[in-house]
Amino acid sequence: MSTTKCVVWDLDDTIWEGTLLEGDPLRLRPGVARAIRGLDERGILNSIASRNDHDAAMAALERFGLADLMIVPQIGWRAKSVSLRAIATALNIGTDTLAFIDDQPFERDEIAYELPEVACLDAAEVGSLLDRPEMQPEFVTDDSRRRREMYVADVHRRRAEESYDGPASEFLIRLGLRMTIAAATENDLQRAQELTVRTNQLNATGYTYSYSELDALRTSADHDLLVATLSDRYGSYGTIGLCLVQRGQDIWRLKLLLMSCRVMSRGVGGVMLGYVVNAARKAGVRLRAEFVPTDRNRAMFITYKFAGFHEVGYVDGVTELEHVGTTQPLMDHVKLIVQEGP
């Protein structure tokens, strides 16, 4: 099961043989292009952390046909650890999901000291990179094949937001966000499983499910497995939400609620939860939710609290919350489209 979300590459004597600024003739190292393209096809992002001249380095990557495969490259003169932190921040992923490849032991040691959670690899290991277990997702979904494309769209969104002079709430309205909630189909299961494994900041329980478990829940008479997709005028974010509701006669239980970290800044975290709250209210049943605290999912607990949930129990590390408020209003900046549901 893949735990790597982005591989960060050095340039000189790593991606290519030779030193760019010394005027050496540059040649791609054997196996590098295959590895980069293979990772990209699997939904694992590629980026750059290099001490180099930015324009000259990007021109060389263009010549080798690799520039478009690199997202948020960090090329300059600062420490590599600073560059890796910048990449993780720009992609909204944890540094523990990065792998770093460099030919220089000094650079790998600097990362190991400053960011011990980052996997550091010698450039000599590139030939076996695609064979490493952490580089092999169990499934390659349509969303994973388009992951780089979606992250590039995110970069354009952020640039537009940074240059927008009005209030942030107005910018969100201008995005034209559209969320679609539907009952999961068999075609959704690979991405659903991937979400439970990859998402750790916005997962209310930290539970993971296998493909077969999700398929059984999808067809269960007393469960609803829901998926959410999101799009705006810049394009699709893909499948970004997953929800599992266990339906009882008097009480529904939210067994799982998660959202992709990529949409955290879009204010959509409560939309799927609000939909379930309103569906339970319409059905005339009480709604409870399970929450298991981790070192990274505090935001989901706050989401529940803002939505009107209160603690009613705690058993074996699981906090049970119950909704005690009224129906949830829809967010003005998000158009909700419901195809199927509980």
C-alpha atoms as a PDB file:
ATOM      1  CA  MET A   1       0.000   0.000   0.000  1.00  0.00           C
ATOM      2  CA  SER A   2       1.442   3.329  -1.032  1.00  0.00           C
ATOM      3  CA  THR A   3       2.369   5.783   1.687  1.00  0.00           C
ATOM      4  CA  THR A   4       4.236   8.186  -0.602  1.00  0.00           C
ATOM      5  CA  LYS A   5       2.313  11.093  -2.094  1.00  0.00           C
ATOM      6  CA  CYS A   6       5.181  13.041  -3.655  1.00  0.00           C
ATOM      7  CA  VAL A   7       8.744  12.186  -4.700  1.00  0.00           C
ATOM      8  CA  VAL A   8      11.092  15.185  -4.551  1.00  0.00           C
ATOM      9  CA  TRP A   9      14.114  15.065  -6.846  1.00  0.00           C
ATOM     10  CA  ASP A  10      17.486  16.786  -6.855  1.00  0.00           C
ATOM     11  CA  LEU A  11      18.774  17.737 -10.325  1.00  0.00           C
ATOM     12  CA  ASP A  12      22.574  17.632 -10.824  1.00  0.00           C
ATOM     13  CA  ASP A  13      23.828  14.029 -10.885  1.00  0.00           C
ATOM     14  CA  THR A  14      20.372  12.855  -9.842  1.00  0.00           C
ATOM     15  CA  ILE A  15      17.890  13.540 -12.641  1.00  0.00           C
ATOM     16  CA  TRP A  16      20.713  14.236 -15.061  1.00  0.00           C
ATOM     17  CA  GLU A  17      24.408  13.469 -15.192  1.00  0.00           C
ATOM     18  CA  GLY A  18      26.551  16.590 -14.957  1.00  0.00           C
ATOM     19  CA  THR A  19      26.442  19.986 -13.230  1.00  0.00           C
ATOM     20  CA  LEU A  20      24.237  22.539 -14.965  1.00  0.00           C
ATOM     21  CA  LEU A  21      25.989  25.747 -13.896  1.00  0.00           C
ATOM     22  CA  GLU A  22      29.439  24.378 -14.685  1.00  0.00           C
ATOM     23  CA  GLY A  23      28.434  24.011 -18.313  1.00  0.00           C
ATOM     24  CA  ASP A  24      28.651  20.231 -18.364  1.00  0.00           C
ATOM     25  CA  PRO A  25      26.869  18.393 -21.162  1.00  0.00           C
ATOM     26  CA  LEU A  26      23.762  17.045 -19.471  1.00  0.00           C
ATOM     27  CA  ARG A  27      22.358  13.563 -20.003  1.00  0.00           C
ATOM     28  CA  LEU A  28      19.408  11.981 -18.259  1.00  0.00           C
ATOM     29  CA  ARG A  29      20.449   9.334 -15.786  1.00  0.00           C
ATOM     30  CA  PRO A  30      19.354   5.854 -16.857  1.00  0.00           C
ATOM     31  CA  GLY A  31      15.893   4.967 -15.579  1.00  0.00           C
ATOM     32  CA  VAL A  32      14.979   8.466 -14.390  1.00  0.00           C
ATOM     33  CA  ALA A  33      12.404   9.337 -17.078  1.00  0.00           C
ATOM     34  CA  ARG A  34      10.790   5.910 -16.715  1.00  0.00           C
ATOM     35  CA  ALA A  35      10.581   6.325 -12.936  1.00  0.00           C
ATOM     36  CA  ILE A  36       9.130   9.841 -13.089  1.00  0.00           C
ATOM     37  CA  ARG A  37       6.511   8.905 -15.663  1.00  0.00           C
ATOM     38  CA  GLY A  38       5.686   5.690 -13.844  1.00  0.00           C
ATOM     39  CA  LEU A  39       5.099   7.534 -10.577  1.00  0.00           C
ATOM     40  CA  ASP A  40       2.939  10.098 -12.371  1.00  0.00           C
ATOM     41  CA  GLU A  41       0.785   7.357 -13.918  1.00  0.00           C
ATOM     42  CA  ARG A  42       0.269   5.868 -10.444  1.00  0.00           C
ATOM     43  CA  GLY A  43      -0.908   9.170  -8.996  1.00  0.00           C
ATOM     44  CA  ILE A  44       2.313   9.889  -7.090  1.00  0.00           C
ATOM     45  CA  LEU A  45       3.428  13.470  -7.648  1.00  0.00           C
ATOM     46  CA  ASN A  46       6.938  14.566  -8.626  1.00  0.00           C
ATOM     47  CA  SER A  47       8.666  17.770  -7.562  1.00  0.00           C
ATOM     48  CA  ILE A  48      12.132  19.326  -7.395  1.00  0.00           C
ATOM     49  CA  ALA A  49      14.346  20.567  -4.563  1.00  0.00           C
ATOM     50  CA  SER A  50      17.608  21.792  -6.089  1.00  0.00           C
ATOM     51  CA  ARG A  51      20.306  24.372  -5.398  1.00  0.00           C
ATOM     52  CA  ASN A  52      20.426  25.822  -8.889  1.00  0.00           C
ATOM     53  CA  ASP A  53      19.466  28.685 -11.146  1.00  0.00           C
ATOM     54  CA  HIS A  54      15.703  28.442 -11.547  1.00  0.00           C
ATOM     55  CA  ASP A  55      15.351  29.539 -15.175  1.00  0.00           C
ATOM     56  CA  ALA A  56      18.283  27.482 -16.452  1.00  0.00           C
ATOM     57  CA  ALA A  57      17.101  24.392 -14.554  1.00  0.00           C
ATOM     58  CA  MET A  58      13.537  24.660 -15.838  1.00  0.00           C
ATOM     59  CA  ALA A  59      14.822  25.125 -19.387  1.00  0.00           C
ATOM     60  CA  ALA A  60      16.838  21.902 -19.028  1.00  0.00           C
ATOM     61  CA  LEU A  61      13.809  20.042 -17.685  1.00  0.00           C
ATOM     62  CA  GLU A  62      11.846  21.343 -20.686  1.00  0.00           C
ATOM     63  CA  ARG A  63      14.473  19.960 -23.066  1.00  0.00           C
ATOM     64  CA  PHE A  64      14.211  16.561 -21.406  1.00  0.00           C
ATOM     65  CA  GLY A  65      10.395  16.662 -21.569  1.00  0.00           C
ATOM     66  CA  LEU A  66      10.009  16.534 -17.776  1.00  0.00           C
ATOM     67  CA  ALA A  67       9.076  20.096 -16.799  1.00  0.00           C
ATOM     68  CA  ASP A  68       5.317  19.536 -17.038  1.00  0.00           C
ATOM     69  CA  LEU A  69       5.585  16.500 -14.753  1.00  0.00           C
ATOM     70  CA  MET A  70       7.068  18.555 -11.893  1.00  0.00           C
ATOM     71  CA  ILE A  71       4.685  20.351  -9.581  1.00  0.00           C
ATOM     72  CA  VAL A  72       5.650  23.348  -7.406  1.00  0.00           C
ATOM     73  CA  PRO A  73       9.401  22.889  -8.054  1.00  0.00           C
ATOM     74  CA  GLN A  74      11.681  24.585  -5.517  1.00  0.00           C
ATOM     75  CA  ILE A  75      14.845  25.688  -7.314  1.00  0.00           C
ATOM     76  CA  GLY A  76      17.092  28.242  -5.621  1.00  0.00           C
ATOM     77  CA  TRP A  77      19.784  28.454  -2.974  1.00  0.00           C
ATOM     78  CA  ARG A  78      18.076  27.654   0.314  1.00  0.00           C
ATOM     79  CA  ALA A  79      18.394  24.475   2.358  1.00  0.00           C
ATOM     80  CA  LYS A  80      16.688  21.418   0.907  1.00  0.00           C
ATOM     81  CA  SER A  81      14.679  20.953   4.110  1.00  0.00           C
ATOM     82  CA  VAL A  82      13.153  24.411   3.601  1.00  0.00           C
ATOM     83  CA  SER A  83      12.250  23.457   0.045  1.00  0.00           C
ATOM     84  CA  LEU A  84      10.618  20.191   1.148  1.00  0.00           C
ATOM     85  CA  ARG A  85       8.540  22.001   3.745  1.00  0.00           C
ATOM     86  CA  ALA A  86       7.444  24.485   1.062  1.00  0.00           C
ATOM     87  CA  ILE A  87       6.418  21.638  -1.244  1.00  0.00           C
ATOM     88  CA  ALA A  88       4.391  19.923   1.481  1.00  0.00           C
ATOM     89  CA  THR A  89       2.692  23.216   2.362  1.00  0.00           C
ATOM     90  CA  ALA A  90       1.897  24.047  -1.266  1.00  0.00           C
ATOM     91  CA  LEU A  91       0.397  20.577  -1.814  1.00  0.00           C
ATOM     92  CA  ASN A  92      -1.297  20.515   1.606  1.00  0.00           C
ATOM     93  CA  ILE A  93       0.223  17.140   2.461  1.00  0.00           C
ATOM     94  CA  GLY A  94       2.321  15.978   5.385  1.00  0.00           C
ATOM     95  CA  THR A  95       6.098  15.882   5.118  1.00  0.00           C
ATOM     96  CA  ASP A  96       5.821  12.251   6.218  1.00  0.00           C
ATOM     97  CA  THR A  97       4.328  11.485   2.789  1.00  0.00           C
ATOM     98  CA  LEU A  98       7.403  12.807   0.928  1.00  0.00           C
ATOM     99  CA  ALA A  99      10.350  10.857  -0.436  1.00  0.00           C
ATOM    100  CA  PHE A 100      13.578  12.691  -1.302  1.00  0.00           C
ATOM    101  CA  ILE A 101      16.156  11.564  -3.887  1.00  0.00           C
ATOM    102  CA  ASP A 102      19.647  13.078  -3.997  1.00  0.00           C
ATOM    103  CA  ASP A 103      23.098  11.845  -4.990  1.00  0.00           C
ATOM    104  CA  GLN A 104      24.802  13.780  -2.166  1.00  0.00           C
ATOM    105  CA  PRO A 105      25.026  12.149   1.297  1.00  0.00           C
ATOM    106  CA  PHE A 106      25.296  15.627   2.849  1.00  0.00           C
ATOM    107  CA  GLU A 107      21.921  16.683   1.420  1.00  0.00           C
ATOM    108  CA  ARG A 108      20.257  13.449   2.497  1.00  0.00           C
ATOM    109  CA  ASP A 109      21.742  13.836   5.979  1.00  0.00           C
ATOM    110  CA  GLU A 110      20.391  17.402   6.226  1.00  0.00           C
ATOM    111  CA  ILE A 111      16.894  16.139   5.424  1.00  0.00           C
ATOM    112  CA  ALA A 112      17.260  13.193   7.807  1.00  0.00           C
ATOM    113  CA  TYR A 113      18.185  15.608  10.603  1.00  0.00           C
ATOM    114  CA  GLU A 114      15.600  18.325   9.909  1.00  0.00           C
ATOM    115  CA  LEU A 115      12.796  16.082   8.618  1.00  0.00           C
ATOM    116  CA  PRO A 116      13.390  12.557   9.928  1.00  0.00           C
ATOM    117  CA  GLU A 117       9.944  11.472   8.758  1.00  0.00           C
ATOM    118  CA  VAL A 118      10.946  11.922   5.088  1.00  0.00           C
ATOM    119  CA  ALA A 119      12.219   8.832   3.269  1.00  0.00           C
ATOM    120  CA  CYS A 120      15.673   9.653   1.833  1.00  0.00           C
ATOM    121  CA  LEU A 121      16.987   7.688  -1.156  1.00  0.00           C
ATOM    122  CA  ASP A 122      20.309   7.698  -2.965  1.00  0.00           C
ATOM    123  CA  ALA A 123      20.078   8.586  -6.659  1.00  0.00           C
ATOM    124  CA  ALA A 124      21.756   5.237  -7.333  1.00  0.00           C
ATOM    125  CA  GLU A 125      18.502   3.559  -6.211  1.00  0.00           C
ATOM    126  CA  VAL A 126      16.384   5.071  -9.006  1.00  0.00           C
ATOM    127  CA  GLY A 127      16.417   1.882 -11.058  1.00  0.00           C
ATOM    128  CA  SER A 128      14.415   0.041  -8.390  1.00  0.00           C
ATOM    129  CA  LEU A 129      12.264   3.006  -7.337  1.00  0.00           C
ATOM    130  CA  LEU A 130       9.040   1.768  -8.937  1.00  0.00           C
ATOM    131  CA  ASP A 131       9.481  -1.612  -7.264  1.00  0.00           C
ATOM    132  CA  ARG A 132       9.462  -0.203  -3.732  1.00  0.00           C
ATOM    133  CA  PRO A 133       6.260  -1.111  -1.809  1.00  0.00           C
ATOM    134  CA  GLU A 134       5.573   2.499  -0.793  1.00  0.00           C
ATOM    135  CA  MET A 135       5.542   3.470  -4.488  1.00  0.00           C
ATOM    136  CA  GLN A 136       2.904   0.903  -5.423  1.00  0.00           C
ATOM    137  CA  PRO A 137      -0.703   1.899  -4.693  1.00  0.00           C
ATOM    138  CA  GLU A 138      -3.054  -1.055  -4.533  1.00  0.00           C
ATOM    139  CA  PHE A 139      -5.292   0.557  -7.165  1.00  0.00           C
ATOM    140  CA  VAL A 140      -4.682   3.178  -9.848  1.00  0.00           C
ATOM    141  CA  THR A 141      -7.941   5.071 -10.199  1.00  0.00           C
ATOM    142  CA  ASP A 142      -9.116   7.710 -12.655  1.00  0.00           C
ATOM    143  CA  ASP A 143      -8.569  10.298  -9.921  1.00  0.00           C
ATOM    144  CA  SER A 144      -5.013   9.112  -9.282  1.00  0.00           C
ATOM    145  CA  ARG A 145      -4.183   9.253 -13.007  1.00  0.00           C
ATOM    146  CA  ARG A 146      -5.398  12.864 -13.027  1.00  0.00           C
ATOM    147  CA  ARG A 147      -3.837  13.824  -9.690  1.00  0.00           C
ATOM    148  CA  ARG A 148      -1.102  16.035 -11.128  1.00  0.00           C
ATOM    149  CA  GLU A 149      -3.624  17.779 -13.366  1.00  0.00           C
ATOM    150  CA  MET A 150      -5.842  18.467 -10.356  1.00  0.00           C
ATOM    151  CA  TYR A 151      -2.940  19.803  -8.293  1.00  0.00           C
ATOM    152  CA  VAL A 152      -1.918  22.089 -11.158  1.00  0.00           C
ATOM    153  CA  ALA A 153      -5.466  23.453 -11.168  1.00  0.00           C
ATOM    154  CA  ASP A 154      -5.095  24.006  -7.412  1.00  0.00           C
ATOM    155  CA  VAL A 155      -1.976  26.086  -8.052  1.00  0.00           C
ATOM    156  CA  HIS A 156      -3.900  28.275 -10.512  1.00  0.00           C
ATOM    157  CA  ARG A 157      -6.709  28.670  -7.980  1.00  0.00           C
ATOM    158  CA  ARG A 158      -4.286  29.772  -5.269  1.00  0.00           C
ATOM    159  CA  ARG A 159      -2.628  32.279  -7.560  1.00  0.00           C
ATOM    160  CA  ALA A 160      -6.017  33.711  -8.495  1.00  0.00           C
ATOM    161  CA  GLU A 161      -6.953  33.885  -4.815  1.00  0.00           C
ATOM    162  CA  GLU A 162      -3.699  35.583  -3.838  1.00  0.00           C
ATOM    163  CA  SER A 163      -4.206  38.244  -6.523  1.00  0.00           C
ATOM    164  CA  TYR A 164      -7.883  38.807  -5.655  1.00  0.00           C
ATOM    165  CA  ASP A 165      -8.420  42.144  -3.895  1.00  0.00           C
ATOM    166  CA  GLY A 166     -11.855  41.417  -2.430  1.00  0.00           C
ATOM    167  CA  PRO A 167     -12.840  39.439   0.677  1.00  0.00           C
ATOM    168  CA  ALA A 168     -12.135  35.711   0.793  1.00  0.00           C
ATOM    169  CA  SER A 169     -15.839  34.889   1.035  1.00  0.00           C
ATOM    170  CA  GLU A 170     -16.469  36.719  -2.240  1.00  0.00           C
ATOM    171  CA  PHE A 171     -13.680  34.797  -3.966  1.00  0.00           C
ATOM    172  CA  LEU A 172     -15.234  31.503  -2.874  1.00  0.00           C
ATOM    173  CA  ILE A 173     -18.540  32.548  -4.430  1.00  0.00           C
ATOM    174  CA  ARG A 174     -16.752  33.468  -7.670  1.00  0.00           C
ATOM    175  CA  LEU A 175     -15.231  29.973  -7.851  1.00  0.00           C
ATOM    176  CA  GLY A 176     -18.660  28.474  -8.616  1.00  0.00           C
ATOM    177  CA  LEU A 177     -18.173  25.412  -6.419  1.00  0.00           C
ATOM    178  CA  ARG A 178     -20.455  22.446  -7.153  1.00  0.00           C
ATOM    179  CA  MET A 179     -20.583  19.400  -4.889  1.00  0.00           C
ATOM    180  CA  THR A 180     -22.318  16.238  -6.022  1.00  0.00           C
ATOM    181  CA  ILE A 181     -23.294  13.624  -3.429  1.00  0.00           C
ATOM    182  CA  ALA A 182     -24.288  10.164  -4.614  1.00  0.00           C
ATOM    183  CA  ALA A 183     -24.533   6.601  -3.407  1.00  0.00           C
ATOM    184  CA  ALA A 184     -21.244   4.843  -4.116  1.00  0.00           C
ATOM    185  CA  THR A 185     -21.188   2.534  -7.108  1.00  0.00           C
ATOM    186  CA  GLU A 186     -18.784  -0.302  -7.759  1.00  0.00           C
ATOM    187  CA  ASN A 187     -16.735   2.060  -9.923  1.00  0.00           C
ATOM    188  CA  ASP A 188     -16.215   4.339  -6.891  1.00  0.00           C
ATOM    189  CA  LEU A 189     -14.794   1.687  -4.571  1.00  0.00           C
ATOM    190  CA  GLN A 190     -11.137   1.879  -5.556  1.00  0.00           C
ATOM    191  CA  ARG A 191     -11.074   5.646  -5.011  1.00  0.00           C
ATOM    192  CA  ALA A 192     -13.104   5.228  -1.802  1.00  0.00           C
ATOM    193  CA  GLN A 193     -10.529   2.824  -0.413  1.00  0.00           C
ATOM    194  CA  GLU A 194      -7.734   5.146  -1.512  1.00  0.00           C
ATOM    195  CA  LEU A 195      -9.368   8.021   0.378  1.00  0.00           C
ATOM    196  CA  THR A 196      -9.504   6.055   3.619  1.00  0.00           C
ATOM    197  CA  VAL A 197      -5.792   5.275   3.296  1.00  0.00           C
ATOM    198  CA  ARG A 198      -4.490   8.631   2.032  1.00  0.00           C
ATOM    199  CA  THR A 199      -6.625  11.038   4.084  1.00  0.00           C
ATOM    200  CA  ASN A 200      -5.493  11.542   7.666  1.00  0.00           C
ATOM    201  CA  GLN A 201      -6.159  15.191   8.556  1.00  0.00           C
ATOM    202  CA  LEU A 202      -9.859  15.181   7.687  1.00  0.00           C
ATOM    203  CA  ASN A 203     -10.835  11.630   8.681  1.00  0.00           C
ATOM    204  CA  ALA A 204     -13.147  11.600  11.697  1.00  0.00           C
ATOM    205  CA  THR A 205     -12.142   8.124  12.840  1.00  0.00           C
ATOM    206  CA  GLY A 206      -8.950   7.163  11.036  1.00  0.00           C
ATOM    207  CA  TYR A 207     -10.679   3.922   9.999  1.00  0.00           C
ATOM    208  CA  THR A 208      -9.482   2.284   6.793  1.00  0.00           C
ATOM    209  CA  TYR A 209     -11.519  -0.161   4.728  1.00  0.00           C
ATOM    210  CA  SER A 210     -10.540  -2.756   2.158  1.00  0.00           C
ATOM    211  CA  TYR A 211     -12.185  -2.924  -1.247  1.00  0.00           C
ATOM    212  CA  SER A 212     -14.219  -5.989  -0.232  1.00  0.00           C
ATOM    213  CA  GLU A 213     -15.373  -4.333   3.007  1.00  0.00           C
ATOM    214  CA  LEU A 214     -16.521  -1.237   1.141  1.00  0.00           C
ATOM    215  CA  ASP A 215     -18.299  -3.360  -1.454  1.00  0.00           C
ATOM    216  CA  ALA A 216     -20.168  -5.238   1.284  1.00  0.00           C
ATOM    217  CA  LEU A 217     -21.173  -1.966   2.942  1.00  0.00           C
ATOM    218  CA  ARG A 218     -22.251  -0.506  -0.417  1.00  0.00           C
ATOM    219  CA  THR A 219     -24.734  -3.344  -0.891  1.00  0.00           C
ATOM    220  CA  SER A 220     -25.767  -3.649   2.760  1.00  0.00           C
ATOM    221  CA  ALA A 221     -29.464  -3.144   3.472  1.00  0.00           C
ATOM    222  CA  ASP A 222     -28.793  -1.025   6.565  1.00  0.00           C
ATOM    223  CA  HIS A 223     -25.843   1.082   5.409  1.00  0.00           C
ATOM    224  CA  ASP A 224     -25.401   3.995   3.034  1.00  0.00           C
ATOM    225  CA  LEU A 225     -21.981   4.575   1.507  1.00  0.00           C
ATOM    226  CA  LEU A 226     -21.879   8.040  -0.046  1.00  0.00           C
ATOM    227  CA  VAL A 227     -19.229   9.720  -2.170  1.00  0.00           C
ATOM    228  CA  ALA A 228     -18.834  13.420  -2.906  1.00  0.00           C
ATOM    229  CA  THR A 229     -17.198  15.026  -5.933  1.00  0.00           C
ATOM    230  CA  LEU A 230     -16.329  18.698  -6.280  1.00  0.00           C
ATOM    231  CA  SER A 231     -15.718  21.007  -9.215  1.00  0.00           C
ATOM    232  CA  ASP A 232     -15.404  24.722  -9.928  1.00  0.00           C
ATOM    233  CA  ARG A 233     -14.620  26.967 -12.862  1.00  0.00           C
ATOM    234  CA  TYR A 234     -10.994  25.787 -12.841  1.00  0.00           C
ATOM    235  CA  GLY A 235     -11.954  22.131 -13.212  1.00  0.00           C
ATOM    236  CA  SER A 236     -12.654  19.046 -11.144  1.00  0.00           C
ATOM    237  CA  TYR A 237     -11.202  18.247  -7.724  1.00  0.00           C
ATOM    238  CA  GLY A 238     -12.268  14.638  -8.279  1.00  0.00           C
ATOM    239  CA  THR A 239     -13.819  12.490  -5.564  1.00  0.00           C
ATOM    240  CA  ILE A 240     -13.088  14.354  -2.337  1.00  0.00           C
ATOM    241  CA  GLY A 241     -15.493  12.976   0.268  1.00  0.00           C
ATOM    242  CA  LEU A 242     -16.679   9.688   1.715  1.00  0.00           C
ATOM    243  CA  CYS A 243     -19.395   8.998   4.251  1.00  0.00           C
ATOM    244  CA  LEU A 244     -20.698   5.788   5.803  1.00  0.00           C
ATOM    245  CA  VAL A 245     -24.074   5.844   7.558  1.00  0.00           C
ATOM    246  CA  GLN A 246     -25.404   2.891   9.537  1.00  0.00           C
ATOM    247  CA  ARG A 247     -29.195   3.162   9.574  1.00  0.00           C
ATOM    248  CA  GLY A 248     -31.131   1.914  12.577  1.00  0.00           C
ATOM    249  CA  GLN A 249     -34.841   2.193  13.259  1.00  0.00           C
ATOM    250  CA  ASP A 250     -34.456   5.124  15.655  1.00  0.00           C
ATOM    251  CA  ILE A 251     -30.802   6.115  15.336  1.00  0.00           C
ATOM    252  CA  TRP A 252     -28.488   6.609  12.389  1.00  0.00           C
ATOM    253  CA  ARG A 253     -24.752   6.397  13.072  1.00  0.00           C
ATOM    254  CA  LEU A 254     -22.044   8.113  11.079  1.00  0.00           C
ATOM    255  CA  LYS A 255     -19.357   5.452  11.088  1.00  0.00           C
ATOM    256  CA  LEU A 256     -17.035   7.319   8.773  1.00  0.00           C
ATOM    257  CA  LEU A 257     -16.750  10.878   7.503  1.00  0.00           C
ATOM    258  CA  LEU A 258     -13.723  12.126   5.616  1.00  0.00           C
ATOM    259  CA  MET A 259     -12.774  14.827   3.163  1.00  0.00           C
ATOM    260  CA  SER A 260      -9.684  15.216   1.008  1.00  0.00           C
ATOM    261  CA  CYS A 261      -7.142  17.604   2.504  1.00  0.00           C
ATOM    262  CA  ARG A 262      -6.986  19.403  -0.851  1.00  0.00           C
ATOM    263  CA  VAL A 263     -10.375  21.025  -0.262  1.00  0.00           C
ATOM    264  CA  MET A 264      -9.767  22.138   3.319  1.00  0.00           C
ATOM    265  CA  SER A 265      -9.493  25.805   2.328  1.00  0.00           C
ATOM    266  CA  ARG A 266     -12.690  25.758   0.253  1.00  0.00           C
ATOM    267  CA  GLY A 267     -15.078  25.694   3.207  1.00  0.00           C
ATOM    268  CA  VAL A 268     -16.858  22.553   2.012  1.00  0.00           C
ATOM    269  CA  GLY A 269     -16.099  20.266   4.953  1.00  0.00           C
ATOM    270  CA  GLY A 270     -19.507  20.725   6.500  1.00  0.00           C
ATOM    271  CA  VAL A 271     -21.566  20.315   3.324  1.00  0.00           C
ATOM    272  CA  MET A 272     -21.605  16.513   3.277  1.00  0.00           C
ATOM    273  CA  LEU A 273     -22.188  16.395   7.027  1.00  0.00           C
ATOM    274  CA  GLY A 274     -25.020  18.917   6.690  1.00  0.00           C
ATOM    275  CA  TYR A 275     -26.626  16.766   4.027  1.00  0.00           C
ATOM    276  CA  VAL A 276     -26.640  13.721   6.332  1.00  0.00           C
ATOM    277  CA  VAL A 277     -27.958  15.817   9.244  1.00  0.00           C
ATOM    278  CA  ASN A 278     -30.864  17.030   7.124  1.00  0.00           C
ATOM    279  CA  ALA A 279     -31.560  13.527   5.760  1.00  0.00           C
ATOM    280  CA  ALA A 280     -31.737  12.126   9.306  1.00  0.00           C
ATOM    281  CA  ARG A 281     -34.027  14.950  10.395  1.00  0.00           C
ATOM    282  CA  LYS A 282     -36.277  14.269   7.406  1.00  0.00           C
ATOM    283  CA  ALA A 283     -36.372  10.551   8.277  1.00  0.00           C
ATOM    284  CA  GLY A 284     -37.348  11.364  11.860  1.00  0.00           C
ATOM    285  CA  VAL A 285     -34.345   9.638  13.467  1.00  0.00           C
ATOM    286  CA  ARG A 286     -31.568  10.733  15.813  1.00  0.00           C
ATOM    287  CA  LEU A 287     -28.109  11.088  14.319  1.00  0.00           C
ATOM    288  CA  ARG A 288     -24.972  10.020  16.139  1.00  0.00           C
ATOM    289  CA  ALA A 289     -21.369  10.069  14.927  1.00  0.00           C
ATOM    290  CA  GLU A 290     -18.204   8.271  15.929  1.00  0.00           C
ATOM    291  CA  PHE A 291     -15.017  10.224  16.436  1.00  0.00           C
ATOM    292  CA  VAL A 292     -11.591   8.740  17.172  1.00  0.00           C
ATOM    293  CA  PRO A 293      -8.938  11.388  17.878  1.00  0.00           C
ATOM    294  CA  THR A 294      -5.596  11.111  16.103  1.00  0.00           C
ATOM    295  CA  ASP A 295      -2.637  13.470  16.119  1.00  0.00           C
ATOM    296  CA  ARG A 296      -3.931  15.148  12.951  1.00  0.00           C
ATOM    297  CA  ASN A 297      -7.754  15.130  12.740  1.00  0.00           C
ATOM    298  CA  ARG A 298      -8.704  17.835  15.238  1.00  0.00           C
ATOM    299  CA  ALA A 299     -10.348  19.774  12.390  1.00  0.00           C
ATOM    300  CA  MET A 300     -13.014  17.078  12.024  1.00  0.00           C
ATOM    301  CA  PHE A 301     -13.952  17.294  15.697  1.00  0.00           C
ATOM    302  CA  ILE A 302     -14.389  21.048  15.285  1.00  0.00           C
ATOM    303  CA  THR A 303     -16.528  20.426  12.182  1.00  0.00           C
ATOM    304  CA  TYR A 304     -18.855  18.213  14.238  1.00  0.00           C
ATOM    305  CA  LYS A 305     -19.042  20.779  17.038  1.00  0.00           C
ATOM    306  CA  PHE A 306     -19.932  23.622  14.676  1.00  0.00           C
ATOM    307  CA  ALA A 307     -22.626  21.433  13.127  1.00  0.00           C
ATOM    308  CA  GLY A 308     -24.375  21.015  16.490  1.00  0.00           C
ATOM    309  CA  PHE A 309     -22.981  17.680  17.737  1.00  0.00           C
ATOM    310  CA  HIS A 310     -22.369  17.081  21.449  1.00  0.00           C
ATOM    311  CA  GLU A 311     -20.552  14.282  23.249  1.00  0.00           C
ATOM    312  CA  VAL A 312     -22.834  11.605  24.674  1.00  0.00           C
ATOM    313  CA  GLY A 313     -20.433   8.755  25.365  1.00  0.00           C
ATOM    314  CA  TYR A 314     -16.911   7.358  25.226  1.00  0.00           C
ATOM    315  CA  VAL A 315     -16.116   3.663  24.837  1.00  0.00           C
ATOM    316  CA  ASP A 316     -12.802   1.990  23.972  1.00  0.00           C
ATOM    317  CA  GLY A 317     -11.242   5.140  22.560  1.00  0.00           C
ATOM    318  CA  VAL A 318     -14.310   6.088  20.494  1.00  0.00           C
ATOM    319  CA  THR A 319     -16.163   9.304  21.296  1.00  0.00           C
ATOM    320  CA  GLU A 320     -19.858   9.166  20.398  1.00  0.00           C
ATOM    321  CA  LEU A 321     -21.453  12.456  19.398  1.00  0.00           C
ATOM    322  CA  GLU A 322     -25.131  13.230  18.852  1.00  0.00           C
ATOM    323  CA  HIS A 323     -26.660  15.990  16.787  1.00  0.00           C
ATOM    324  CA  VAL A 324     -28.930  18.137  18.940  1.00  0.00           C
ATOM    325  CA  GLY A 325     -29.502  21.099  16.655  1.00  0.00           C
ATOM    326  CA  THR A 326     -31.865  21.781  13.801  1.00  0.00           C
ATOM    327  CA  THR A 327     -31.419  21.203  10.091  1.00  0.00           C
ATOM    328  CA  GLN A 328     -28.237  22.564   8.569  1.00  0.00           C
ATOM    329  CA  PRO A 329     -28.427  25.493   6.132  1.00  0.00           C
ATOM    330  CA  LEU A 330     -26.627  25.071   2.828  1.00  0.00           C
ATOM    331  CA  MET A 331     -23.479  27.108   2.306  1.00  0.00           C
ATOM    332  CA  ASP A 332     -24.000  30.053  -0.001  1.00  0.00           C
ATOM    333  CA  HIS A 333     -20.811  29.460  -1.994  1.00  0.00           C
ATOM    334  CA  VAL A 334     -21.477  25.775  -2.772  1.00  0.00           C
ATOM    335  CA  LYS A 335     -24.176  24.399  -5.050  1.00  0.00           C
ATOM    336  CA  LEU A 336     -25.204  20.957  -3.793  1.00  0.00           C
ATOM    337  CA  ILE A 337     -26.370  18.355  -6.281  1.00  0.00           C
ATOM    338  CA  VAL A 338     -27.809  15.149  -4.810  1.00  0.00           C
ATOM    339  CA  GLN A 339     -28.086  12.127  -7.077  1.00  0.00           C
ATOM    340  CA  GLU A 340     -28.913   9.482  -4.477  1.00  0.00           C
ATOM    341  CA  GLY A 341     -28.667   9.183  -0.727  1.00  0.00           C
ATOM    342  CA  PRO A 342     -30.081   7.794   2.495  1.00  0.00           C
END
